[in-house]
Every structure is written in C-alpha cells, then in structure tokens.
Amino acid sequence: MEVPGQDSDWRSPQFRQKVVAQIEEAMRKAGTAHTKSSQDMENHVYVKAKSRSLLYRP
C-alpha cells in the first residue's frame, strides 16, 4: 500500500514533466546529437523505476 507524500509524488505528471525538462537541459548542454527524445528517455527510466530514488537522484 502506498503512503501519500514525497515518495509517491514521483509518479505525478508534474514531477515527470520536471524530469523531462531537466533531461532536455542536460541534452542541450551536452551539445551532441541524441537518437531518443527527452520524453522517450524519461519514459524508459520511469517504466523501470520501482521508487523515486531509482528514478531520480538530484
């Protein structure tokens, strides 16, 4: 059973969009061509993650 709060907010669309934006910025700073979009990358990680700590490490 999930407890609402910080550990479950990583599944929210708002949090996921924030991660997509961070991936986009990192891709832009890297300055290299990528075969996947930031949305594709985030979705790949999200599908495999079982907790917020596996999804995102600041």
PDB file of N, CA and C in Angstrom:
ATOM      1  N   MET A   1       0.843  -1.190   0.000  1.00  0.00           N
ATOM      2  CA  MET A   1       0.000   0.000   0.000  1.00  0.00           C
ATOM      3  C   MET A   1       0.882   1.245   0.000  1.00  0.00           C
ATOM      4  N   GLU A   2       0.525   2.202  -0.823  1.00  0.00           N
ATOM      5  CA  GLU A   2       1.305   3.424  -0.948  1.00  0.00           C
ATOM      6  C   GLU A   2       0.850   4.476   0.049  1.00  0.00           C
ATOM      7  N   VAL A   3       1.802   5.145   0.621  1.00  0.00           N
ATOM      8  CA  VAL A   3       1.514   6.240   1.532  1.00  0.00           C
ATOM      9  C   VAL A   3       1.686   7.533   0.751  1.00  0.00           C
ATOM     10  N   PRO A   4       0.658   8.397   0.742  1.00  0.00           N
ATOM     11  CA  PRO A   4       0.784   9.653   0.014  1.00  0.00           C
ATOM     12  C   PRO A   4       1.922  10.491   0.576  1.00  0.00           C
ATOM     13  N   GLY A   5       2.534  11.268  -0.273  1.00  0.00           N
ATOM     14  CA  GLY A   5       3.613  12.123   0.176  1.00  0.00           C
ATOM     15  C   GLY A   5       4.771  12.111  -0.791  1.00  0.00           C
ATOM     16  N   GLN A   6       5.926  12.480  -0.281  1.00  0.00           N
ATOM     17  CA  GLN A   6       7.099  12.670  -1.120  1.00  0.00           C
ATOM     18  C   GLN A   6       7.476  11.429  -1.920  1.00  0.00           C
ATOM     19  N   ASP A   7       7.335  10.246  -1.345  1.00  0.00           N
ATOM     20  CA  ASP A   7       7.769   9.051  -2.051  1.00  0.00           C
ATOM     21  C   ASP A   7       6.834   8.671  -3.191  1.00  0.00           C
ATOM     22  N   SER A   8       5.577   9.105  -3.154  1.00  0.00           N
ATOM     23  CA  SER A   8       4.652   8.748  -4.230  1.00  0.00           C
ATOM     24  C   SER A   8       4.479   9.864  -5.257  1.00  0.00           C
ATOM     25  N   ASP A   9       4.942  11.084  -4.976  1.00  0.00           N
ATOM     26  CA  ASP A   9       4.758  12.188  -5.918  1.00  0.00           C
ATOM     27  C   ASP A   9       5.586  12.033  -7.186  1.00  0.00           C
ATOM     28  N   TRP A  10       6.555  11.151  -7.193  1.00  0.00           N
ATOM     29  CA  TRP A  10       7.392  10.955  -8.384  1.00  0.00           C
ATOM     30  C   TRP A  10       6.600  10.372  -9.549  1.00  0.00           C
ATOM     31  N   ARG A  11       5.421   9.861  -9.268  1.00  0.00           N
ATOM     32  CA  ARG A  11       4.573   9.309 -10.329  1.00  0.00           C
ATOM     33  C   ARG A  11       3.643  10.353 -10.937  1.00  0.00           C
ATOM     34  N   SER A  12       3.594  11.532 -10.357  1.00  0.00           N
ATOM     35  CA  SER A  12       2.675  12.561 -10.841  1.00  0.00           C
ATOM     36  C   SER A  12       3.158  13.130 -12.181  1.00  0.00           C
ATOM     37  N   PRO A  13       2.217  13.553 -13.015  1.00  0.00           N
ATOM     38  CA  PRO A  13       2.601  14.158 -14.303  1.00  0.00           C
ATOM     39  C   PRO A  13       3.485  15.393 -14.124  1.00  0.00           C
ATOM     40  N   GLN A  14       3.251  16.162 -13.064  1.00  0.00           N
ATOM     41  CA  GLN A  14       4.042  17.363 -12.829  1.00  0.00           C
ATOM     42  C   GLN A  14       5.503  17.008 -12.547  1.00  0.00           C
ATOM     43  N   PHE A  15       5.726  16.016 -11.705  1.00  0.00           N
ATOM     44  CA  PHE A  15       7.092  15.608 -11.384  1.00  0.00           C
ATOM     45  C   PHE A  15       7.775  15.046 -12.627  1.00  0.00           C
ATOM     46  N   ARG A  16       7.051  14.221 -13.368  1.00  0.00           N
ATOM     47  CA  ARG A  16       7.629  13.613 -14.573  1.00  0.00           C
ATOM     48  C   ARG A  16       7.984  14.685 -15.599  1.00  0.00           C
ATOM     49  N   GLN A  17       7.149  15.720 -15.737  1.00  0.00           N
ATOM     50  CA  GLN A  17       7.454  16.802 -16.676  1.00  0.00           C
ATOM     51  C   GLN A  17       8.691  17.567 -16.229  1.00  0.00           C
ATOM     52  N   LYS A  18       8.855  17.729 -14.925  1.00  0.00           N
ATOM     53  CA  LYS A  18      10.053  18.386 -14.393  1.00  0.00           C
ATOM     54  C   LYS A  18      11.303  17.586 -14.767  1.00  0.00           C
ATOM     55  N   VAL A  19      11.227  16.274 -14.668  1.00  0.00           N
ATOM     56  CA  VAL A  19      12.357  15.417 -15.027  1.00  0.00           C
ATOM     57  C   VAL A  19      12.641  15.527 -16.526  1.00  0.00           C
ATOM     58  N   VAL A  20      11.599  15.557 -17.350  1.00  0.00           N
ATOM     59  CA  VAL A  20      11.775  15.712 -18.798  1.00  0.00           C
ATOM     60  C   VAL A  20      12.512  17.020 -19.091  1.00  0.00           C
ATOM     61  N   ALA A  21      12.126  18.095 -18.423  1.00  0.00           N
ATOM     62  CA  ALA A  21      12.775  19.392 -18.625  1.00  0.00           C
ATOM     63  C   ALA A  21      14.245  19.333 -18.227  1.00  0.00           C
ATOM     64  N   GLN A  22      14.557  18.633 -17.146  1.00  0.00           N
ATOM     65  CA  GLN A  22      15.947  18.503 -16.718  1.00  0.00           C
ATOM     66  C   GLN A  22      16.752  17.673 -17.718  1.00  0.00           C
ATOM     67  N   ILE A  23      16.137  16.647 -18.276  1.00  0.00           N
ATOM     68  CA  ILE A  23      16.813  15.843 -19.299  1.00  0.00           C
ATOM     69  C   ILE A  23      17.068  16.697 -20.538  1.00  0.00           C
ATOM     70  N   GLU A  24      16.073  17.489 -20.946  1.00  0.00           N
ATOM     71  CA  GLU A  24      16.231  18.369 -22.109  1.00  0.00           C
ATOM     72  C   GLU A  24      17.392  19.334 -21.908  1.00  0.00           C
ATOM     73  N   GLU A  25      17.490  19.912 -20.717  1.00  0.00           N
ATOM     74  CA  GLU A  25      18.572  20.852 -20.438  1.00  0.00           C
ATOM     75  C   GLU A  25      19.927  20.155 -20.480  1.00  0.00           C
ATOM     76  N   ALA A  26      20.013  18.970 -19.901  1.00  0.00           N
ATOM     77  CA  ALA A  26      21.269  18.219 -19.925  1.00  0.00           C
ATOM     78  C   ALA A  26      21.661  17.857 -21.357  1.00  0.00           C
ATOM     79  N   MET A  27      20.678  17.494 -22.171  1.00  0.00           N
ATOM     80  CA  MET A  27      20.950  17.166 -23.576  1.00  0.00           C
ATOM     81  C   MET A  27      21.455  18.398 -24.324  1.00  0.00           C
ATOM     82  N   ARG A  28      20.838  19.532 -24.052  1.00  0.00           N
ATOM     83  CA  ARG A  28      21.247  20.777 -24.703  1.00  0.00           C
ATOM     84  C   ARG A  28      22.668  21.154 -24.303  1.00  0.00           C
ATOM     85  N   LYS A  29      22.983  21.025 -23.015  1.00  0.00           N
ATOM     86  CA  LYS A  29      24.325  21.353 -22.527  1.00  0.00           C
ATOM     87  C   LYS A  29      25.375  20.399 -23.083  1.00  0.00           C
ATOM     88  N   ALA A  30      24.999  19.142 -23.298  1.00  0.00           N
ATOM     89  CA  ALA A  30      25.942  18.158 -23.838  1.00  0.00           C
ATOM     90  C   ALA A  30      26.307  18.505 -25.279  1.00  0.00           C
ATOM     91  N   GLY A  31      25.365  19.104 -25.994  1.00  0.00           N
ATOM     92  CA  GLY A  31      25.636  19.566 -27.344  1.00  0.00           C
ATOM     93  C   GLY A  31      25.867  18.476 -28.374  1.00  0.00           C
ATOM     94  N   THR A  32      25.462  17.273 -28.082  1.00  0.00           N
ATOM     95  CA  THR A  32      25.628  16.181 -29.041  1.00  0.00           C
ATOM     96  C   THR A  32      24.265  15.709 -29.528  1.00  0.00           C
ATOM     97  N   ALA A  33      24.259  15.052 -30.676  1.00  0.00           N
ATOM     98  CA  ALA A  33      23.009  14.529 -31.223  1.00  0.00           C
ATOM     99  C   ALA A  33      22.561  13.303 -30.428  1.00  0.00           C
ATOM    100  N   HIS A  34      21.265  13.184 -30.235  1.00  0.00           N
ATOM    101  CA  HIS A  34      20.694  12.058 -29.499  1.00  0.00           C
ATOM    102  C   HIS A  34      19.639  11.384 -30.365  1.00  0.00           C
ATOM    103  N   THR A  35      19.567  10.074 -30.272  1.00  0.00           N
ATOM    104  CA  THR A  35      18.591   9.340 -31.077  1.00  0.00           C
ATOM    105  C   THR A  35      17.229   9.273 -30.403  1.00  0.00           C
ATOM    106  N   LYS A  36      17.186   9.508 -29.090  1.00  0.00           N
ATOM    107  CA  LYS A  36      15.919   9.479 -28.356  1.00  0.00           C
ATOM    108  C   LYS A  36      15.600  10.872 -27.843  1.00  0.00           C
ATOM    109  N   SER A  37      14.308  11.155 -27.732  1.00  0.00           N
ATOM    110  CA  SER A  37      13.883  12.436 -27.175  1.00  0.00           C
ATOM    111  C   SER A  37      13.966  12.382 -25.653  1.00  0.00           C
ATOM    112  N   SER A  38      13.904  13.543 -25.031  1.00  0.00           N
ATOM    113  CA  SER A  38      13.915  13.597 -23.567  1.00  0.00           C
ATOM    114  C   SER A  38      12.700  12.871 -22.999  1.00  0.00           C
ATOM    115  N   GLN A  39      11.565  12.968 -23.690  1.00  0.00           N
ATOM    116  CA  GLN A  39      10.350  12.273 -23.247  1.00  0.00           C
ATOM    117  C   GLN A  39      10.551  10.762 -23.313  1.00  0.00           C
ATOM    118  N   ASP A  40      11.175  10.280 -24.384  1.00  0.00           N
ATOM    119  CA  ASP A  40      11.456   8.845 -24.512  1.00  0.00           C
ATOM    120  C   ASP A  40      12.388   8.369 -23.400  1.00  0.00           C
ATOM    121  N   MET A  41      13.418   9.166 -23.116  1.00  0.00           N
ATOM    122  CA  MET A  41      14.375   8.791 -22.069  1.00  0.00           C
ATOM    123  C   MET A  41      13.701   8.724 -20.706  1.00  0.00           C
ATOM    124  N   GLU A  42      12.893   9.744 -20.389  1.00  0.00           N
ATOM    125  CA  GLU A  42      12.200   9.766 -19.101  1.00  0.00           C
ATOM    126  C   GLU A  42      11.254   8.581 -18.989  1.00  0.00           C
ATOM    127  N   ASN A  43      10.535   8.287 -20.052  1.00  0.00           N
ATOM    128  CA  ASN A  43       9.578   7.189 -20.015  1.00  0.00           C
ATOM    129  C   ASN A  43      10.290   5.855 -19.811  1.00  0.00           C
ATOM    130  N   HIS A  44      11.425   5.668 -20.440  1.00  0.00           N
ATOM    131  CA  HIS A  44      12.201   4.434 -20.280  1.00  0.00           C
ATOM    132  C   HIS A  44      12.601   4.239 -18.813  1.00  0.00           C
ATOM    133  N   VAL A  45      13.108   5.297 -18.200  1.00  0.00           N
ATOM    134  CA  VAL A  45      13.526   5.216 -16.797  1.00  0.00           C
ATOM    135  C   VAL A  45      12.316   5.025 -15.890  1.00  0.00           C
ATOM    136  N   TYR A  46      11.228   5.756 -16.146  1.00  0.00           N
ATOM    137  CA  TYR A  46      10.017   5.669 -15.325  1.00  0.00           C
ATOM    138  C   TYR A  46       9.459   4.249 -15.309  1.00  0.00           C
ATOM    139  N   VAL A  47       9.405   3.611 -16.468  1.00  0.00           N
ATOM    140  CA  VAL A  47       8.854   2.260 -16.569  1.00  0.00           C
ATOM    141  C   VAL A  47       9.676   1.277 -15.744  1.00  0.00           C
ATOM    142  N   LYS A  48      10.989   1.478 -15.690  1.00  0.00           N
ATOM    143  CA  LYS A  48      11.860   0.557 -14.968  1.00  0.00           C
ATOM    144  C   LYS A  48      11.964   0.862 -13.470  1.00  0.00           C
ATOM    145  N   ALA A  49      11.657   2.099 -13.071  1.00  0.00           N
ATOM    146  CA  ALA A  49      11.819   2.513 -11.676  1.00  0.00           C
ATOM    147  C   ALA A  49      10.737   1.919 -10.779  1.00  0.00           C
ATOM    148  N   LYS A  50      11.156   1.503  -9.607  1.00  0.00           N
ATOM    149  CA  LYS A  50      10.216   0.996  -8.610  1.00  0.00           C
ATOM    150  C   LYS A  50      10.044   1.983  -7.460  1.00  0.00           C
ATOM    151  N   SER A  51      10.912   2.982  -7.393  1.00  0.00           N
ATOM    152  CA  SER A  51      10.814   4.014  -6.365  1.00  0.00           C
ATOM    153  C   SER A  51      11.423   5.304  -6.893  1.00  0.00           C
ATOM    154  N   ARG A  52      11.164   6.397  -6.203  1.00  0.00           N
ATOM    155  CA  ARG A  52      11.686   7.698  -6.608  1.00  0.00           C
ATOM    156  C   ARG A  52      13.206   7.692  -6.614  1.00  0.00           C
ATOM    157  N   SER A  53      13.830   7.036  -5.645  1.00  0.00           N
ATOM    158  CA  SER A  53      15.288   7.058  -5.566  1.00  0.00           C
ATOM    159  C   SER A  53      15.925   6.359  -6.763  1.00  0.00           C
ATOM    160  N   LEU A  54      15.231   5.406  -7.368  1.00  0.00           N
ATOM    161  CA  LEU A  54      15.755   4.758  -8.565  1.00  0.00           C
ATOM    162  C   LEU A  54      15.498   5.593  -9.813  1.00  0.00           C
ATOM    163  N   LEU A  55      14.497   6.460  -9.746  1.00  0.00           N
ATOM    164  CA  LEU A  55      14.139   7.284 -10.890  1.00  0.00           C
ATOM    165  C   LEU A  55      15.021   8.510 -10.996  1.00  0.00           C
ATOM    166  N   TYR A  56      15.234   9.168  -9.896  1.00  0.00           N
ATOM    167  CA  TYR A  56      15.837  10.490  -9.949  1.00  0.00           C
ATOM    168  C   TYR A  56      16.756  10.696  -8.763  1.00  0.00           C
ATOM    169  N   ARG A  57      17.961  11.067  -9.058  1.00  0.00           N
ATOM    170  CA  ARG A  57      18.924  11.397  -8.000  1.00  0.00           C
ATOM    171  C   ARG A  57      19.450  12.791  -8.267  1.00  0.00           C
ATOM    172  N   PRO A  58      19.055  13.771  -7.430  1.00  0.00           N
ATOM    173  CA  PRO A  58      19.472  15.172  -7.656  1.00  0.00           C
ATOM    174  C   PRO A  58      20.959  15.365  -7.525  1.00  0.00           C
TER     175      PRO A  58
END
